[in-house]
Amino acid sequence: MQGKIKLLTLLLFLLYALYPSQVHAASMDWGGCVSSEGVATLNCIPIIFKNIVNWALILSGVTALFFVIISGTRYIRSGGDQEKIKGARETLTYAIIGLVIILLSFAIINFISYVTQVPCIKQFGFGNCT
């Protein structure tokens, strides 16, 4: 029963988070890539890629946080069973490693940008480094 409730909660959250909002789409900055007829051009590819990467990072961060919470719950409910404690610790370890990798990806790009003195690599697009 608890598994079904968790699955339903996750599905409802994903439905809400991934449901395209007309207000959000209307307020997005498309950077002039949409033609006067309202048709997307090839100049929209970097903007779409940027949005996909941003959503992927948000989703991965939320997923890692979800696994931190799940591992804490599993650790509390282990009842002293060493196998359950070991599983909870492994889940927590992998979730924290995932969060560190997510944060390091930003730090690495900023470090490369600082060392090479090329700030445009932090932005997506075809013509940013002109």
N, C-alpha and C. Protein backbone atom coordinates (compact mmCIF):
# COMPACT_ATOMS: atom_id res chain seq x y z
N MET A 1 0.82 -1.19 0.00
CA MET A 1 0.00 0.00 0.00
C MET A 1 0.86 1.26 0.00
N GLN A 2 1.93 1.26 0.83
CA GLN A 2 2.79 2.43 0.90
C GLN A 2 3.52 2.65 -0.42
N GLY A 3 3.87 1.56 -1.09
CA GLY A 3 4.54 1.68 -2.38
C GLY A 3 3.65 2.35 -3.41
N LYS A 4 2.36 2.03 -3.39
CA LYS A 4 1.42 2.65 -4.32
C LYS A 4 1.25 4.13 -4.03
N ILE A 5 1.23 4.49 -2.75
CA ILE A 5 1.09 5.90 -2.38
C ILE A 5 2.33 6.68 -2.82
N LYS A 6 3.51 6.11 -2.62
CA LYS A 6 4.75 6.76 -3.05
C LYS A 6 4.77 6.94 -4.57
N LEU A 7 4.36 5.91 -5.28
CA LEU A 7 4.34 5.98 -6.74
C LEU A 7 3.34 7.02 -7.22
N LEU A 8 2.16 7.05 -6.62
CA LEU A 8 1.16 8.04 -6.99
C LEU A 8 1.64 9.46 -6.70
N THR A 9 2.28 9.65 -5.56
CA THR A 9 2.82 10.97 -5.21
C THR A 9 3.88 11.39 -6.21
N LEU A 10 4.77 10.48 -6.57
CA LEU A 10 5.82 10.78 -7.54
C LEU A 10 5.23 11.12 -8.90
N LEU A 11 4.25 10.35 -9.34
CA LEU A 11 3.62 10.62 -10.63
C LEU A 11 2.89 11.96 -10.65
N LEU A 12 2.21 12.29 -9.56
CA LEU A 12 1.52 13.59 -9.49
C LEU A 12 2.53 14.74 -9.50
N PHE A 13 3.65 14.56 -8.78
CA PHE A 13 4.68 15.59 -8.79
C PHE A 13 5.26 15.77 -10.18
N LEU A 14 5.58 14.68 -10.85
CA LEU A 14 6.14 14.77 -12.20
C LEU A 14 5.14 15.38 -13.17
N LEU A 15 3.87 15.02 -13.03
CA LEU A 15 2.84 15.60 -13.89
C LEU A 15 2.77 17.10 -13.70
N TYR A 16 2.81 17.54 -12.46
CA TYR A 16 2.76 18.97 -12.18
C TYR A 16 4.03 19.67 -12.66
N ALA A 17 5.19 19.07 -12.39
CA ALA A 17 6.46 19.70 -12.72
C ALA A 17 6.71 19.76 -14.22
N LEU A 18 6.28 18.74 -14.95
CA LEU A 18 6.57 18.67 -16.38
C LEU A 18 5.43 19.15 -17.27
N TYR A 19 4.30 19.48 -16.68
CA TYR A 19 3.16 19.95 -17.47
C TYR A 19 3.49 21.33 -18.04
N PRO A 20 3.42 21.50 -19.34
CA PRO A 20 3.79 22.79 -19.92
C PRO A 20 2.75 23.86 -19.56
N SER A 21 3.24 24.92 -19.03
CA SER A 21 2.37 26.01 -18.64
C SER A 21 2.39 27.08 -19.73
N GLN A 22 1.22 27.52 -20.14
CA GLN A 22 1.14 28.56 -21.16
C GLN A 22 1.72 29.87 -20.64
N VAL A 23 1.53 30.13 -19.37
CA VAL A 23 2.07 31.36 -18.79
C VAL A 23 3.59 31.31 -18.81
N HIS A 24 4.16 30.17 -18.47
CA HIS A 24 5.62 30.02 -18.48
C HIS A 24 6.16 30.15 -19.90
N ALA A 25 5.51 29.52 -20.85
CA ALA A 25 5.98 29.59 -22.23
C ALA A 25 5.87 31.00 -22.78
N ALA A 26 4.83 31.72 -22.41
CA ALA A 26 4.66 33.09 -22.91
C ALA A 26 5.68 34.03 -22.29
N SER A 27 6.10 33.75 -21.06
CA SER A 27 7.04 34.65 -20.40
C SER A 27 8.49 34.31 -20.68
N MET A 28 8.77 33.22 -21.36
CA MET A 28 10.15 32.83 -21.65
C MET A 28 10.78 33.78 -22.66
N ASP A 29 12.06 34.01 -22.47
CA ASP A 29 12.81 34.83 -23.41
C ASP A 29 13.33 33.92 -24.52
N TRP A 30 12.76 34.06 -25.70
CA TRP A 30 13.16 33.22 -26.82
C TRP A 30 14.29 33.85 -27.62
N GLY A 31 14.78 34.98 -27.22
CA GLY A 31 15.96 35.58 -27.84
C GLY A 31 15.82 35.91 -29.31
N GLY A 32 14.63 36.19 -29.75
CA GLY A 32 14.43 36.56 -31.15
C GLY A 32 14.54 35.42 -32.12
N CYS A 33 14.43 34.19 -31.67
CA CYS A 33 14.57 33.06 -32.58
C CYS A 33 13.26 32.69 -33.25
N VAL A 34 12.17 33.28 -32.82
CA VAL A 34 10.87 32.99 -33.42
C VAL A 34 10.61 34.02 -34.52
N SER A 35 10.21 33.53 -35.68
CA SER A 35 9.97 34.43 -36.81
C SER A 35 8.72 35.26 -36.57
N SER A 36 8.48 36.21 -37.45
CA SER A 36 7.31 37.10 -37.30
C SER A 36 6.00 36.34 -37.43
N GLU A 37 6.04 35.17 -38.07
CA GLU A 37 4.83 34.34 -38.18
C GLU A 37 4.61 33.47 -36.95
N GLY A 38 5.54 33.51 -35.99
CA GLY A 38 5.41 32.71 -34.79
C GLY A 38 5.98 31.31 -34.93
N VAL A 39 6.83 31.10 -35.94
CA VAL A 39 7.42 29.79 -36.19
C VAL A 39 8.85 29.80 -35.66
N ALA A 40 9.22 28.73 -34.95
CA ALA A 40 10.57 28.62 -34.42
C ALA A 40 11.56 28.39 -35.56
N THR A 41 12.73 29.01 -35.44
CA THR A 41 13.78 28.84 -36.44
C THR A 41 14.93 28.03 -35.82
N LEU A 42 15.97 27.80 -36.61
CA LEU A 42 17.13 27.05 -36.10
C LEU A 42 17.85 27.80 -34.99
N ASN A 43 17.64 29.09 -34.89
CA ASN A 43 18.26 29.86 -33.82
C ASN A 43 17.69 29.50 -32.45
N CYS A 44 16.59 28.76 -32.43
CA CYS A 44 15.98 28.34 -31.16
C CYS A 44 16.67 27.12 -30.55
N ILE A 45 17.50 26.43 -31.31
CA ILE A 45 18.13 25.21 -30.82
C ILE A 45 18.95 25.47 -29.55
N PRO A 46 19.79 26.49 -29.48
CA PRO A 46 20.54 26.72 -28.23
C PRO A 46 19.63 27.04 -27.06
N ILE A 47 18.57 27.76 -27.31
CA ILE A 47 17.65 28.12 -26.22
C ILE A 47 16.92 26.89 -25.72
N ILE A 48 16.49 26.03 -26.63
CA ILE A 48 15.83 24.79 -26.23
C ILE A 48 16.81 23.89 -25.48
N PHE A 49 18.04 23.81 -25.96
CA PHE A 49 19.06 23.00 -25.29
C PHE A 49 19.32 23.53 -23.89
N LYS A 50 19.39 24.85 -23.75
CA LYS A 50 19.60 25.47 -22.44
C LYS A 50 18.45 25.12 -21.50
N ASN A 51 17.22 25.18 -21.99
CA ASN A 51 16.07 24.84 -21.15
C ASN A 51 16.09 23.37 -20.75
N ILE A 52 16.47 22.50 -21.68
CA ILE A 52 16.54 21.07 -21.36
C ILE A 52 17.61 20.82 -20.30
N VAL A 53 18.77 21.45 -20.43
CA VAL A 53 19.84 21.27 -19.45
C VAL A 53 19.41 21.81 -18.09
N ASN A 54 18.76 22.98 -18.06
CA ASN A 54 18.31 23.53 -16.80
C ASN A 54 17.31 22.61 -16.12
N TRP A 55 16.35 22.09 -16.87
CA TRP A 55 15.35 21.19 -16.29
C TRP A 55 15.99 19.88 -15.87
N ALA A 56 16.96 19.40 -16.63
CA ALA A 56 17.64 18.16 -16.25
C ALA A 56 18.41 18.33 -14.94
N LEU A 57 19.04 19.49 -14.77
CA LEU A 57 19.76 19.76 -13.52
C LEU A 57 18.80 19.88 -12.35
N ILE A 58 17.68 20.54 -12.57
CA ILE A 58 16.68 20.66 -11.51
C ILE A 58 16.14 19.28 -11.14
N LEU A 59 15.80 18.49 -12.15
CA LEU A 59 15.25 17.16 -11.90
C LEU A 59 16.28 16.27 -11.20
N SER A 60 17.54 16.35 -11.61
CA SER A 60 18.56 15.51 -10.96
C SER A 60 18.79 15.96 -9.51
N GLY A 61 18.74 17.25 -9.26
CA GLY A 61 18.88 17.73 -7.88
C GLY A 61 17.72 17.29 -7.01
N VAL A 62 16.51 17.38 -7.54
CA VAL A 62 15.33 16.94 -6.79
C VAL A 62 15.39 15.43 -6.56
N THR A 63 15.83 14.69 -7.56
CA THR A 63 15.95 13.23 -7.41
C THR A 63 16.98 12.88 -6.35
N ALA A 64 18.11 13.56 -6.35
CA ALA A 64 19.13 13.29 -5.33
C ALA A 64 18.61 13.63 -3.94
N LEU A 65 17.90 14.74 -3.81
CA LEU A 65 17.31 15.10 -2.53
C LEU A 65 16.28 14.06 -2.09
N PHE A 66 15.49 13.58 -3.04
CA PHE A 66 14.50 12.53 -2.76
C PHE A 66 15.20 11.29 -2.22
N PHE A 67 16.33 10.90 -2.82
CA PHE A 67 17.04 9.72 -2.35
C PHE A 67 17.70 9.95 -0.99
N VAL A 68 18.10 11.17 -0.69
CA VAL A 68 18.62 11.46 0.65
C VAL A 68 17.52 11.25 1.69
N ILE A 69 16.32 11.73 1.38
CA ILE A 69 15.19 11.56 2.30
C ILE A 69 14.83 10.09 2.44
N ILE A 70 14.78 9.37 1.32
CA ILE A 70 14.45 7.94 1.36
C ILE A 70 15.49 7.17 2.16
N SER A 71 16.77 7.48 1.97
CA SER A 71 17.80 6.75 2.71
C SER A 71 17.71 7.06 4.20
N GLY A 72 17.38 8.29 4.57
CA GLY A 72 17.19 8.61 5.98
C GLY A 72 16.02 7.85 6.58
N THR A 73 14.95 7.74 5.82
CA THR A 73 13.79 6.98 6.28
C THR A 73 14.13 5.50 6.42
N ARG A 74 14.87 4.97 5.46
CA ARG A 74 15.27 3.55 5.53
C ARG A 74 16.20 3.31 6.72
N TYR A 75 17.07 4.28 7.00
CA TYR A 75 17.99 4.15 8.13
C TYR A 75 17.23 4.15 9.45
N ILE A 76 16.25 5.03 9.57
CA ILE A 76 15.45 5.11 10.79
C ILE A 76 14.64 3.84 10.98
N ARG A 77 14.09 3.31 9.90
CA ARG A 77 13.21 2.14 9.97
C ARG A 77 13.99 0.82 9.95
N SER A 78 15.32 0.87 9.97
CA SER A 78 16.10 -0.37 9.86
C SER A 78 15.95 -1.26 11.08
N GLY A 79 15.69 -0.69 12.21
CA GLY A 79 15.50 -1.49 13.42
C GLY A 79 16.76 -2.23 13.87
N GLY A 80 17.91 -1.71 13.53
CA GLY A 80 19.17 -2.33 13.94
C GLY A 80 19.67 -3.43 13.02
N ASP A 81 18.92 -3.75 11.97
CA ASP A 81 19.34 -4.77 11.01
C ASP A 81 20.51 -4.22 10.19
N GLN A 82 21.64 -4.89 10.27
CA GLN A 82 22.86 -4.39 9.64
C GLN A 82 22.75 -4.32 8.12
N GLU A 83 22.03 -5.23 7.49
CA GLU A 83 21.87 -5.21 6.04
C GLU A 83 21.06 -3.98 5.60
N LYS A 84 20.00 -3.68 6.35
CA LYS A 84 19.19 -2.50 6.02
C LYS A 84 19.97 -1.21 6.26
N ILE A 85 20.75 -1.19 7.33
CA ILE A 85 21.59 -0.01 7.60
C ILE A 85 22.61 0.17 6.49
N LYS A 86 23.22 -0.92 6.06
CA LYS A 86 24.20 -0.85 4.97
C LYS A 86 23.56 -0.34 3.69
N GLY A 87 22.37 -0.82 3.35
CA GLY A 87 21.66 -0.34 2.15
C GLY A 87 21.32 1.13 2.24
N ALA A 88 20.88 1.57 3.42
CA ALA A 88 20.54 2.99 3.60
C ALA A 88 21.78 3.87 3.47
N ARG A 89 22.90 3.41 4.04
CA ARG A 89 24.14 4.18 3.93
C ARG A 89 24.62 4.26 2.48
N GLU A 90 24.50 3.16 1.75
CA GLU A 90 24.91 3.18 0.34
C GLU A 90 24.04 4.14 -0.47
N THR A 91 22.74 4.11 -0.22
CA THR A 91 21.84 5.03 -0.92
C THR A 91 22.20 6.47 -0.61
N LEU A 92 22.46 6.76 0.67
CA LEU A 92 22.84 8.12 1.06
C LEU A 92 24.16 8.52 0.42
N THR A 93 25.11 7.60 0.39
CA THR A 93 26.42 7.89 -0.21
C THR A 93 26.27 8.23 -1.69
N TYR A 94 25.50 7.44 -2.41
CA TYR A 94 25.33 7.68 -3.84
C TYR A 94 24.54 8.96 -4.11
N ALA A 95 23.57 9.26 -3.26
CA ALA A 95 22.81 10.50 -3.43
C ALA A 95 23.70 11.71 -3.21
N ILE A 96 24.55 11.65 -2.20
CA ILE A 96 25.45 12.77 -1.94
C ILE A 96 26.49 12.90 -3.05
N ILE A 97 26.99 11.78 -3.56
CA ILE A 97 27.91 11.82 -4.69
C ILE A 97 27.24 12.47 -5.90
N GLY A 98 25.98 12.13 -6.13
CA GLY A 98 25.24 12.75 -7.23
C GLY A 98 25.10 14.26 -7.06
N LEU A 99 24.78 14.70 -5.85
CA LEU A 99 24.68 16.14 -5.59
C LEU A 99 26.03 16.83 -5.79
N VAL A 100 27.09 16.20 -5.35
CA VAL A 100 28.43 16.79 -5.51
C VAL A 100 28.78 16.90 -6.99
N ILE A 101 28.47 15.89 -7.78
CA ILE A 101 28.75 15.94 -9.22
C ILE A 101 27.96 17.06 -9.88
N ILE A 102 26.69 17.22 -9.48
CA ILE A 102 25.87 18.30 -10.04
C ILE A 102 26.49 19.66 -9.72
N LEU A 103 26.90 19.85 -8.48
CA LEU A 103 27.50 21.13 -8.09
C LEU A 103 28.87 21.33 -8.73
N LEU A 104 29.63 20.26 -8.85
CA LEU A 104 30.96 20.37 -9.46
C LEU A 104 30.87 20.69 -10.95
N SER A 105 29.80 20.29 -11.61
CA SER A 105 29.68 20.60 -13.03
C SER A 105 29.65 22.11 -13.24
N PHE A 106 28.94 22.83 -12.38
CA PHE A 106 28.94 24.29 -12.47
C PHE A 106 30.31 24.86 -12.12
N ALA A 107 30.92 24.33 -11.07
CA ALA A 107 32.22 24.84 -10.64
C ALA A 107 33.29 24.62 -11.70
N ILE A 108 33.27 23.49 -12.36
CA ILE A 108 34.27 23.20 -13.39
C ILE A 108 34.14 24.15 -14.57
N ILE A 109 32.91 24.36 -15.03
CA ILE A 109 32.70 25.30 -16.14
C ILE A 109 33.14 26.70 -15.76
N ASN A 110 32.80 27.16 -14.56
CA ASN A 110 33.23 28.49 -14.12
C ASN A 110 34.73 28.58 -13.97
N PHE A 111 35.37 27.52 -13.49
CA PHE A 111 36.82 27.52 -13.37
C PHE A 111 37.49 27.59 -14.73
N ILE A 112 37.02 26.80 -15.68
CA ILE A 112 37.58 26.83 -17.03
C ILE A 112 37.38 28.21 -17.65
N SER A 113 36.21 28.79 -17.43
CA SER A 113 35.94 30.12 -17.95
C SER A 113 36.89 31.15 -17.34
N TYR A 114 37.16 31.04 -16.05
CA TYR A 114 38.06 31.97 -15.37
C TYR A 114 39.50 31.80 -15.84
N VAL A 115 39.96 30.56 -15.94
CA VAL A 115 41.35 30.30 -16.32
C VAL A 115 41.62 30.72 -17.76
N THR A 116 40.70 30.43 -18.65
CA THR A 116 40.90 30.75 -20.06
C THR A 116 40.48 32.18 -20.41
N GLN A 117 39.86 32.87 -19.45
CA GLN A 117 39.36 34.24 -19.68
C GLN A 117 38.37 34.29 -20.84
N VAL A 118 37.56 33.25 -20.97
CA VAL A 118 36.54 33.18 -22.00
C VAL A 118 35.18 33.01 -21.30
N PRO A 119 34.54 34.13 -20.94
CA PRO A 119 33.29 34.02 -20.18
C PRO A 119 32.11 33.50 -21.00
N CYS A 120 32.23 33.51 -22.32
CA CYS A 120 31.08 33.10 -23.13
C CYS A 120 30.84 31.60 -23.11
N ILE A 121 31.79 30.80 -22.59
CA ILE A 121 31.54 29.36 -22.54
C ILE A 121 30.51 29.00 -21.48
N LYS A 122 30.17 29.94 -20.62
CA LYS A 122 29.14 29.68 -19.62
C LYS A 122 27.74 29.86 -20.19
N GLN A 123 27.66 30.32 -21.44
CA GLN A 123 26.37 30.56 -22.08
C GLN A 123 26.21 29.59 -23.25
N PHE A 124 24.98 29.16 -23.45
CA PHE A 124 24.69 28.31 -24.60
C PHE A 124 24.44 29.19 -25.81
N GLY A 125 24.81 28.72 -26.96
CA GLY A 125 24.50 29.45 -28.17
C GLY A 125 25.58 29.32 -29.21
N PHE A 126 25.22 29.70 -30.44
CA PHE A 126 26.17 29.59 -31.55
C PHE A 126 27.04 30.84 -31.66
N GLY A 127 26.51 32.01 -31.35
CA GLY A 127 27.25 33.24 -31.59
C GLY A 127 27.68 33.96 -30.34
N ASN A 128 27.86 33.26 -29.24
CA ASN A 128 28.20 33.92 -27.98
C ASN A 128 29.67 34.33 -27.90
N CYS A 129 30.53 33.69 -28.63
CA CYS A 129 31.96 33.96 -28.52
C CYS A 129 32.46 34.75 -29.73
N THR A 130 31.74 35.74 -30.13
CA THR A 130 32.19 36.52 -31.29
C THR A 130 33.11 37.64 -30.89
